[in-house]
Every structure is written in C-alpha cells, then in structure tokens.
Amino acid sequence: MLPYQLIGGGSFTSSATVARQQVQVSDRPDLIWVRNRTAWGDDAAETSVESWWRQGMAQDAAQTTDQAVTTGALSSEAVTANGFRVYSTVNPPTYAALATSGTDITTANPAVATMANTGSIQVGDVVRVTDTTGMLQIGGYDFEVTAVSANTNITLNLDSSGFGAVATAGNIRLFIPNRMYPRWRYIVPLSGNVGISQAAQCVVSFSVAHDFSVGEYVSFRVPTVFGMDEINNQKGIIQSVTTYTITVDIDTSGYTAFAIPTSATVTSNPYSPAIVVPAGAGPTPSGNPPGVSVQAAFDNRNEWIINMGSNIITSTEAVYDWIAYKYDTFNGS
C-alpha cells in the first residue's frame, strides 16, 4: 500500500491577467505540487516554474523553483505571501483586520481603499469593511477585490461615486465566505448599475460574485431607506445572469429609485442592508423539455479549496499541471 493517495489533479490555463487560481479537492491535501508547463525551459521571462506546499507550512506560503530571464538559471525561494492557501469552506481560516490609511476609501468608480499593509489580500478575494467613518453606509459589507497594489491600496467592487464623503478611517479584513445555504448577496451600485434598476425586468447588482442561476427564485429584503421599498419581500424568477448581476422578472419601472442611503442616515436611523436571498428553484425559463436547476444557490456547496496566489501563478495564459496528495499517516509538523 502506498503511503499516500492522490486526491486531485489536472491542468488549467491561467488568465490573461495573472492573479490567482483555485481548484477543488475531495479532502484536505497534505502535499501539493504545481508545474508551469508552458514556461518550463522558456527563459523569455523570469517566472516560477515549480511550486510545493505540504502540511505544516503556513497559509499563503510556498517553496518555489524560479527560472531567470535570459539565462534560464534556476533558483529556489521560500515565499510567505501569495502562495498556497488551503481551506474548507465549512470552517475557513480567519484573518486579522488591516487598517485603511491616507485617503482611506474613495468616492469613485470603482472605490479604492488605501492601505499601508495589504496582507495576504489578492485579486478575487472577498474582504469585509468595518469601522468606517464618513462612509458608514458600507460598514459590515463584503466586497470582492478587483485590483491590488501591494501595501498601497486595493480596489473594491463598488461604485461609490455617488456617496457624499470619503471614508476617513476603516478596517479591511480578508474574509472567506462559507458556502452553506442561504448564500445571500449585498445589493450595491456598480459601474453601469444602480443596485436595482427601474425596468420591466429589473437588473440587480452585487458586491461579490454570486452563484444564483437562471430559473431560480429569489426574494428581496430592501428597507425603506433604500428608496425602492416596493420590492421588499417580493419574490421573482431569475431570467439571466452575469458575474455580478441578475435580471429578475419583477417590473420595477414604476417603483421609487433605488439608492444607497447616506452616511448621515445611518447615524440617525440604523438599518439592515439591502440583500437578495435564495427562495427556491423553479423551471428553467424556455427550457425544452422543462427542467429545474440543480445548481441553485440554496444548495450546500462546501468543499476543500486550494488557492494558488500570484507567487505561484506567474505567467499569463500559461498551462499549469497540478497534483494533490493525502498521506495515510503524517508524522511531524
């Protein structure tokens, strides 16, 4: 009997904008190996061509083999950030809050949070904003990170250009969401979207990528301070989706316009955020034959994740091979 078992493996192509890659495995891995197939032996650019992680190493750490530009010379490196992050979404790791600084969080499209220390935050991560001043209306919200300038700033998936004032303080905490039911989403304005549109079929935009699906029923929780309280507790069927939006068969064309309340409103009238929650699954629109989505957001989708950061995924549009092992017995730390 082998002292280990293979619990996952395969290949993927990195994105056109290198940031990270995630893969799913059936159990907690004890050993992970990744090789950059495209860049192996190609000295056109300095790159990490092979990376390892094993049980006992810190989250976001890795040991890598780097290939030098022009010479192709190999060297070893131990990284402590943007390496491998291994976790189960049932009980994900927690991270310390990191303070904003300087201009803190801007009123812009998209909003930018200035940070002297961005920690382990990577593009595609979810962060929770707390302890804001001057921008109380986003306190406690979760946002996907769309850009990172290490130890300088991060960009949030939010159009805050209509807010009255910048946040003059705040904390940003890396947050890994649990994937159990119900996976509701915060409604926020994004570029080209106001939050909830006034239309025959309303378009709803979210601060984090959702996993709602076409044909799924969703229900709205929209307090009066957001303006469009006519939609509160209404249930509709999703007609189409994008990464951050859903289109729902609710006619909001005659409703009050949706708007994020001001910071002053929060001070005088505390409220719950505007959210969308899963409410069931119906027949997929225009399905032939009719069917019911099995990927609706009310399903539990917890799993083990291997997150490979920017010190592992160093080449754009490159093919990477990966293998994950589970030891039968592990002795050591």
Protein backbone atom coordinates (compact mmCIF):
# COMPACT_ATOMS: atom_id res chain seq x y z
CA MET A 1 0.00 0.00 0.00
CA LEU A 2 1.32 3.45 -0.90
CA PRO A 3 1.95 5.88 2.00
CA TYR A 4 -0.27 8.44 0.27
CA GLN A 5 -3.22 8.70 -2.09
CA LEU A 6 -3.90 11.03 -4.98
CA ILE A 7 -6.97 13.15 -4.17
CA GLY A 8 -6.88 15.56 -7.09
CA GLY A 9 -5.01 16.69 -10.12
CA GLY A 10 -5.30 18.12 -13.57
CA SER A 11 -4.34 21.15 -15.58
CA PHE A 12 -5.65 24.67 -16.19
CA THR A 13 -4.76 27.74 -18.21
CA SER A 14 -4.01 30.91 -16.24
CA SER A 15 -5.95 34.05 -17.01
CA ALA A 16 -4.85 36.94 -19.22
CA THR A 17 -4.33 39.00 -16.05
CA VAL A 18 -2.32 36.90 -13.61
CA ALA A 19 -3.76 36.94 -10.12
CA ARG A 20 -4.58 33.51 -8.76
CA GLN A 21 -6.18 30.15 -9.48
CA GLN A 22 -8.48 27.98 -7.39
CA VAL A 23 -9.08 24.23 -7.65
CA GLN A 24 -11.33 21.94 -5.62
CA VAL A 25 -10.31 18.66 -3.98
CA SER A 26 -12.21 15.99 -2.06
CA ASP A 27 -10.28 16.26 1.20
CA ARG A 28 -7.62 18.33 2.92
CA PRO A 29 -4.38 17.89 0.94
CA ASP A 30 -1.11 17.13 2.71
CA LEU A 31 1.11 17.76 -0.30
CA ILE A 32 0.56 19.97 -3.37
CA TRP A 33 2.74 20.16 -6.47
CA VAL A 34 2.30 22.63 -9.34
CA ARG A 35 4.36 22.98 -12.54
CA ASN A 36 4.20 25.72 -15.18
CA ARG A 37 4.14 23.55 -18.33
CA THR A 38 4.25 26.47 -20.75
CA ALA A 39 7.18 28.32 -19.16
CA TRP A 40 9.25 25.22 -18.36
CA GLY A 41 12.56 25.74 -20.18
CA ASP A 42 11.43 29.08 -21.65
CA ASP A 43 13.71 31.89 -20.42
CA ALA A 44 11.75 34.72 -22.06
CA ALA A 45 10.63 35.99 -18.66
CA GLU A 46 11.50 35.36 -15.04
CA THR A 47 8.90 33.05 -13.65
CA SER A 48 8.07 30.44 -11.04
CA VAL A 49 8.12 27.11 -12.87
CA GLU A 50 7.50 24.73 -9.98
CA SER A 51 5.91 25.15 -6.55
CA TRP A 52 5.30 22.98 -3.48
CA TRP A 53 3.32 23.10 -0.25
CA ARG A 54 2.97 20.50 2.46
CA GLN A 55 1.06 20.11 5.70
CA GLY A 56 2.74 22.10 8.48
CA MET A 57 3.56 25.10 6.30
CA ALA A 58 1.75 28.37 6.94
CA GLN A 59 -1.23 29.54 4.93
CA ASP A 60 -0.17 31.56 1.84
CA ALA A 61 3.36 30.13 2.00
CA ALA A 62 5.13 28.08 -0.68
CA GLN A 63 8.50 26.76 -1.77
CA THR A 64 9.18 27.59 -5.40
CA THR A 65 11.72 26.97 -8.14
CA ASP A 66 12.24 30.14 -10.16
CA GLN A 67 13.63 30.41 -13.67
CA ALA A 68 15.68 33.50 -14.50
CA VAL A 69 15.03 35.60 -17.58
CA THR A 70 17.55 35.14 -20.46
CA THR A 71 19.85 32.68 -18.68
CA GLY A 72 17.20 30.21 -17.62
CA ALA A 73 19.14 29.64 -14.39
CA LEU A 74 17.07 28.02 -11.65
CA SER A 75 16.93 29.20 -8.06
CA SER A 76 14.86 28.26 -5.02
CA GLU A 77 12.71 30.59 -2.97
CA ALA A 78 10.52 30.36 0.12
CA VAL A 79 7.56 32.75 -0.03
CA THR A 80 5.32 33.75 2.86
CA ALA A 81 2.58 35.55 0.91
CA ASN A 82 0.55 34.86 -2.23
CA GLY A 83 1.50 31.19 -2.14
CA PHE A 84 -0.88 28.30 -1.36
CA ARG A 85 -3.97 28.86 0.77
CA VAL A 86 -5.69 25.60 1.72
CA TYR A 87 -9.06 25.61 3.44
CA SER A 88 -12.50 24.10 3.73
CA THR A 89 -15.40 26.49 3.20
CA VAL A 90 -17.13 24.74 6.13
CA ASN A 91 -14.58 26.19 8.55
CA PRO A 92 -12.36 28.65 6.67
CA PRO A 93 -9.39 30.42 8.27
CA THR A 94 -9.85 33.86 9.79
CA TYR A 95 -7.64 36.88 9.24
CA ALA A 96 -6.78 39.96 11.28
CA ALA A 97 -8.29 43.32 10.36
CA LEU A 98 -5.98 45.66 8.44
CA ALA A 99 -6.36 49.42 8.81
CA THR A 100 -7.01 51.80 5.96
CA SER A 101 -4.79 54.88 5.76
CA GLY A 102 -4.23 58.12 3.89
CA THR A 103 -7.31 58.79 1.75
CA ASP A 104 -8.85 55.61 3.22
CA ILE A 105 -11.82 54.68 0.94
CA THR A 106 -12.54 56.96 -2.00
CA THR A 107 -15.79 58.14 -3.53
CA ALA A 108 -15.05 56.83 -7.00
CA ASN A 109 -15.99 54.26 -9.60
CA PRO A 110 -14.61 51.90 -8.51
CA ALA A 111 -13.90 52.65 -4.85
CA VAL A 112 -10.26 52.37 -3.76
CA ALA A 113 -9.12 51.63 -0.19
CA THR A 114 -5.66 52.94 0.70
CA MET A 115 -3.74 50.53 2.95
CA ALA A 116 -0.16 50.61 4.20
CA ASN A 117 -0.40 46.84 4.67
CA THR A 118 -2.50 44.75 2.27
CA GLY A 119 -1.51 41.48 3.99
CA SER A 120 -2.48 38.35 2.05
CA ILE A 121 -5.27 40.02 0.06
CA GLN A 122 -5.28 39.01 -3.61
CA VAL A 123 -7.40 39.88 -6.63
CA GLY A 124 -10.63 37.87 -6.45
CA ASP A 125 -10.62 37.69 -2.64
CA VAL A 126 -13.58 38.86 -0.58
CA VAL A 127 -12.97 41.45 2.13
CA ARG A 128 -15.25 42.81 4.86
CA VAL A 129 -15.24 46.56 5.55
CA THR A 130 -15.80 47.70 9.15
CA ASP A 131 -15.29 50.70 11.43
CA THR A 132 -15.69 53.23 8.63
CA THR A 133 -16.20 56.93 9.25
CA GLY A 134 -17.68 59.25 6.63
CA MET A 135 -18.91 56.18 4.71
CA LEU A 136 -20.98 54.38 7.31
CA GLN A 137 -23.36 53.03 4.68
CA ILE A 138 -20.90 50.27 3.71
CA GLY A 139 -19.88 49.27 7.24
CA GLY A 140 -20.13 45.48 7.58
CA TYR A 141 -20.44 44.89 3.83
CA ASP A 142 -18.42 42.29 1.92
CA PHE A 143 -16.72 43.26 -1.37
CA GLU A 144 -14.77 41.40 -3.98
CA VAL A 145 -11.28 42.79 -4.60
CA THR A 146 -10.73 43.66 -8.27
CA ALA A 147 -7.15 45.04 -8.08
CA VAL A 148 -4.28 45.08 -5.57
CA SER A 149 -1.23 47.31 -5.35
CA ALA A 150 0.75 45.59 -2.62
CA ASN A 151 0.96 47.64 0.60
CA THR A 152 -0.57 50.63 -1.19
CA ASN A 153 -4.25 50.06 -1.98
CA ILE A 154 -6.95 47.64 -3.05
CA THR A 155 -9.88 48.26 -5.40
CA LEU A 156 -13.37 47.25 -4.26
CA ASN A 157 -16.24 46.02 -6.41
CA LEU A 158 -18.31 49.14 -5.67
CA ASP A 159 -19.28 52.37 -7.40
CA SER A 160 -19.13 54.88 -4.54
CA SER A 161 -19.00 57.95 -6.80
CA GLY A 162 -22.48 58.99 -5.63
CA PHE A 163 -21.59 58.85 -1.93
CA GLY A 164 -21.39 62.11 -0.06
CA ALA A 165 -17.93 61.75 1.51
CA VAL A 166 -14.89 59.51 1.59
CA ALA A 167 -14.26 57.14 4.47
CA THR A 168 -11.68 58.77 6.71
CA ALA A 169 -10.94 55.57 8.64
CA GLY A 170 -11.79 51.91 8.47
CA ASN A 171 -10.64 48.33 8.67
CA ILE A 172 -10.39 45.74 5.90
CA ARG A 173 -10.50 42.05 6.79
CA LEU A 174 -9.84 39.19 4.38
CA PHE A 175 -12.97 37.06 4.58
CA ILE A 176 -13.61 33.58 3.16
CA PRO A 177 -17.39 33.01 2.87
CA ASN A 178 -18.98 29.79 3.99
CA ARG A 179 -20.89 28.16 1.13
CA MET A 180 -23.87 26.79 3.05
CA TYR A 181 -27.46 27.85 2.41
CA PRO A 182 -28.63 30.59 2.26
CA ARG A 183 -25.94 32.43 0.27
CA TRP A 184 -27.48 35.88 0.11
CA ARG A 185 -25.78 38.87 -1.53
CA TYR A 186 -25.50 42.60 -0.73
CA ILE A 187 -27.09 44.90 -3.32
CA VAL A 188 -24.71 47.73 -4.27
CA PRO A 189 -24.19 50.14 -7.18
CA LEU A 190 -21.60 49.06 -9.74
CA SER A 191 -20.40 50.70 -12.92
CA GLY A 192 -23.47 50.90 -15.17
CA ASN A 193 -25.78 49.53 -12.47
CA VAL A 194 -27.55 51.46 -9.71
CA GLY A 195 -28.22 48.47 -7.46
CA ILE A 196 -31.74 47.70 -8.64
CA SER A 197 -32.79 49.19 -11.96
CA GLN A 198 -36.21 50.65 -12.77
CA ALA A 199 -37.21 48.36 -15.64
CA ALA A 200 -39.80 45.85 -16.85
CA GLN A 201 -37.30 43.19 -15.74
CA CYS A 202 -35.07 44.67 -13.06
CA VAL A 203 -31.29 44.23 -13.04
CA VAL A 204 -29.74 43.71 -9.60
CA SER A 205 -26.00 44.17 -8.94
CA PHE A 206 -23.91 42.68 -6.14
CA SER A 207 -20.65 43.44 -4.34
CA VAL A 208 -19.44 39.83 -4.67
CA ALA A 209 -19.73 37.28 -7.48
CA HIS A 210 -22.90 35.25 -6.95
CA ASP A 211 -23.87 31.68 -7.78
CA PHE A 212 -27.55 32.30 -8.47
CA SER A 213 -28.75 30.54 -11.62
CA VAL A 214 -31.36 31.04 -14.33
CA GLY A 215 -34.75 29.74 -13.21
CA GLU A 216 -34.03 30.20 -9.52
CA TYR A 217 -36.46 32.05 -7.27
CA VAL A 218 -35.01 34.93 -5.24
CA SER A 219 -36.55 37.21 -2.65
CA PHE A 220 -35.70 40.83 -1.80
CA ARG A 221 -35.08 42.48 1.57
CA VAL A 222 -34.96 46.23 0.92
CA PRO A 223 -35.55 48.62 3.87
CA THR A 224 -37.32 51.93 3.26
CA VAL A 225 -34.09 53.98 3.49
CA PHE A 226 -33.01 52.50 0.13
CA GLY A 227 -35.96 54.12 -1.65
CA MET A 228 -37.31 51.11 -3.55
CA ASP A 229 -39.16 49.55 -0.63
CA GLU A 230 -41.95 48.47 -3.02
CA ILE A 231 -39.79 45.47 -3.88
CA ASN A 232 -39.29 44.45 -0.25
CA ASN A 233 -40.30 40.80 0.35
CA GLN A 234 -41.21 40.29 -3.31
CA LYS A 235 -40.17 37.04 -4.98
CA GLY A 236 -39.13 36.72 -8.61
CA ILE A 237 -37.54 34.30 -11.06
CA ILE A 238 -34.04 34.92 -12.45
CA GLN A 239 -34.10 35.38 -16.24
CA SER A 240 -30.37 35.88 -16.90
CA VAL A 241 -27.11 36.28 -15.01
CA THR A 242 -23.66 37.85 -15.28
CA THR A 243 -20.82 37.51 -12.78
CA TYR A 244 -22.15 40.32 -10.56
CA THR A 245 -25.76 40.82 -11.72
CA ILE A 246 -29.05 39.01 -12.10
CA THR A 247 -32.09 40.00 -14.17
CA VAL A 248 -35.39 39.21 -12.42
CA ASP A 249 -38.96 39.11 -13.76
CA ILE A 250 -40.19 41.91 -11.48
CA ASP A 251 -41.40 45.12 -13.15
CA THR A 252 -39.84 47.97 -11.15
CA SER A 253 -40.37 50.65 -13.81
CA GLY A 254 -42.91 52.47 -11.63
CA TYR A 255 -41.08 51.99 -8.34
CA THR A 256 -39.10 54.57 -6.37
CA ALA A 257 -35.46 54.72 -7.47
CA PHE A 258 -33.06 52.55 -5.50
CA ALA A 259 -30.20 54.40 -3.79
CA ILE A 260 -27.69 53.60 -1.05
CA PRO A 261 -28.57 55.80 1.96
CA THR A 262 -26.21 58.50 3.13
CA SER A 263 -23.77 58.14 6.00
CA ALA A 264 -25.83 60.67 7.97
CA THR A 265 -28.92 58.50 7.54
CA VAL A 266 -27.09 55.57 9.08
CA THR A 267 -26.18 57.69 12.10
CA SER A 268 -29.76 58.76 12.75
CA ASN A 269 -31.59 55.69 11.50
CA PRO A 270 -29.67 52.40 11.72
CA TYR A 271 -30.88 49.89 9.15
CA SER A 272 -30.29 46.44 7.71
CA PRO A 273 -28.51 46.21 4.34
CA ALA A 274 -30.44 45.60 1.13
CA ILE A 275 -29.95 41.96 0.12
CA VAL A 276 -31.21 39.22 -2.19
CA VAL A 277 -31.79 35.75 -0.72
CA PRO A 278 -32.41 32.41 -2.48
CA ALA A 279 -36.07 31.37 -2.30
CA GLY A 280 -36.31 28.11 -4.24
CA ALA A 281 -35.90 26.73 -7.74
CA GLY A 282 -38.48 26.66 -10.50
CA PRO A 283 -38.48 25.51 -14.11
CA THR A 284 -35.66 26.95 -16.20
CA PRO A 285 -37.14 29.65 -18.48
CA SER A 286 -37.58 28.46 -22.10
CA GLY A 287 -36.34 25.01 -21.15
CA ASN A 288 -37.23 22.25 -23.61
CA PRO A 289 -38.04 19.96 -22.01
CA PRO A 290 -38.76 21.92 -18.81
CA GLY A 291 -36.17 21.38 -16.10
CA VAL A 292 -35.21 22.57 -12.65
CA SER A 293 -31.74 23.97 -11.96
CA VAL A 294 -29.60 21.70 -9.80
CA GLN A 295 -27.02 24.46 -9.30
CA ALA A 296 -29.25 26.90 -7.43
CA ALA A 297 -27.78 28.99 -4.62
CA PHE A 298 -29.85 27.21 -1.99
CA ASP A 299 -27.67 24.10 -2.41
CA ASN A 300 -24.85 23.48 0.05
CA ARG A 301 -21.61 23.64 -1.90
CA ASN A 302 -18.95 23.49 0.78
CA GLU A 303 -15.67 21.99 -0.40
CA TRP A 304 -11.91 21.94 0.07
CA ILE A 305 -10.16 24.70 -1.87
CA ILE A 306 -6.55 25.08 -2.99
CA ASN A 307 -5.94 28.75 -3.72
CA MET A 308 -2.77 29.45 -5.70
CA GLY A 309 -1.61 33.05 -5.39
CA SER A 310 0.46 35.35 -7.57
CA ASN A 311 3.78 33.84 -6.42
CA ILE A 312 2.59 30.51 -7.86
CA ILE A 313 0.70 31.70 -10.94
CA THR A 314 3.32 33.96 -12.51
CA SER A 315 2.59 33.57 -16.25
CA THR A 316 -0.40 34.81 -18.22
CA GLU A 317 -2.35 32.35 -20.38
CA ALA A 318 0.02 29.52 -19.44
CA VAL A 319 -0.82 25.86 -18.90
CA TYR A 320 -0.21 24.61 -15.36
CA ASP A 321 -0.29 21.00 -14.14
CA TRP A 322 -1.17 20.24 -10.52
CA ILE A 323 -1.39 17.23 -8.20
CA ALA A 324 -2.65 16.99 -4.60
CA TYR A 325 -1.90 14.10 -2.24
CA LYS A 326 -3.28 12.87 1.09
CA TYR A 327 -0.92 10.91 3.38
CA ASP A 328 -2.21 7.75 5.03
CA THR A 329 -0.11 8.72 8.05
CA PHE A 330 1.56 12.03 8.74
CA ASN A 331 4.26 12.31 11.43
CA GLY A 332 5.73 15.72 12.10
CA SER A 333 4.59 19.31 11.94
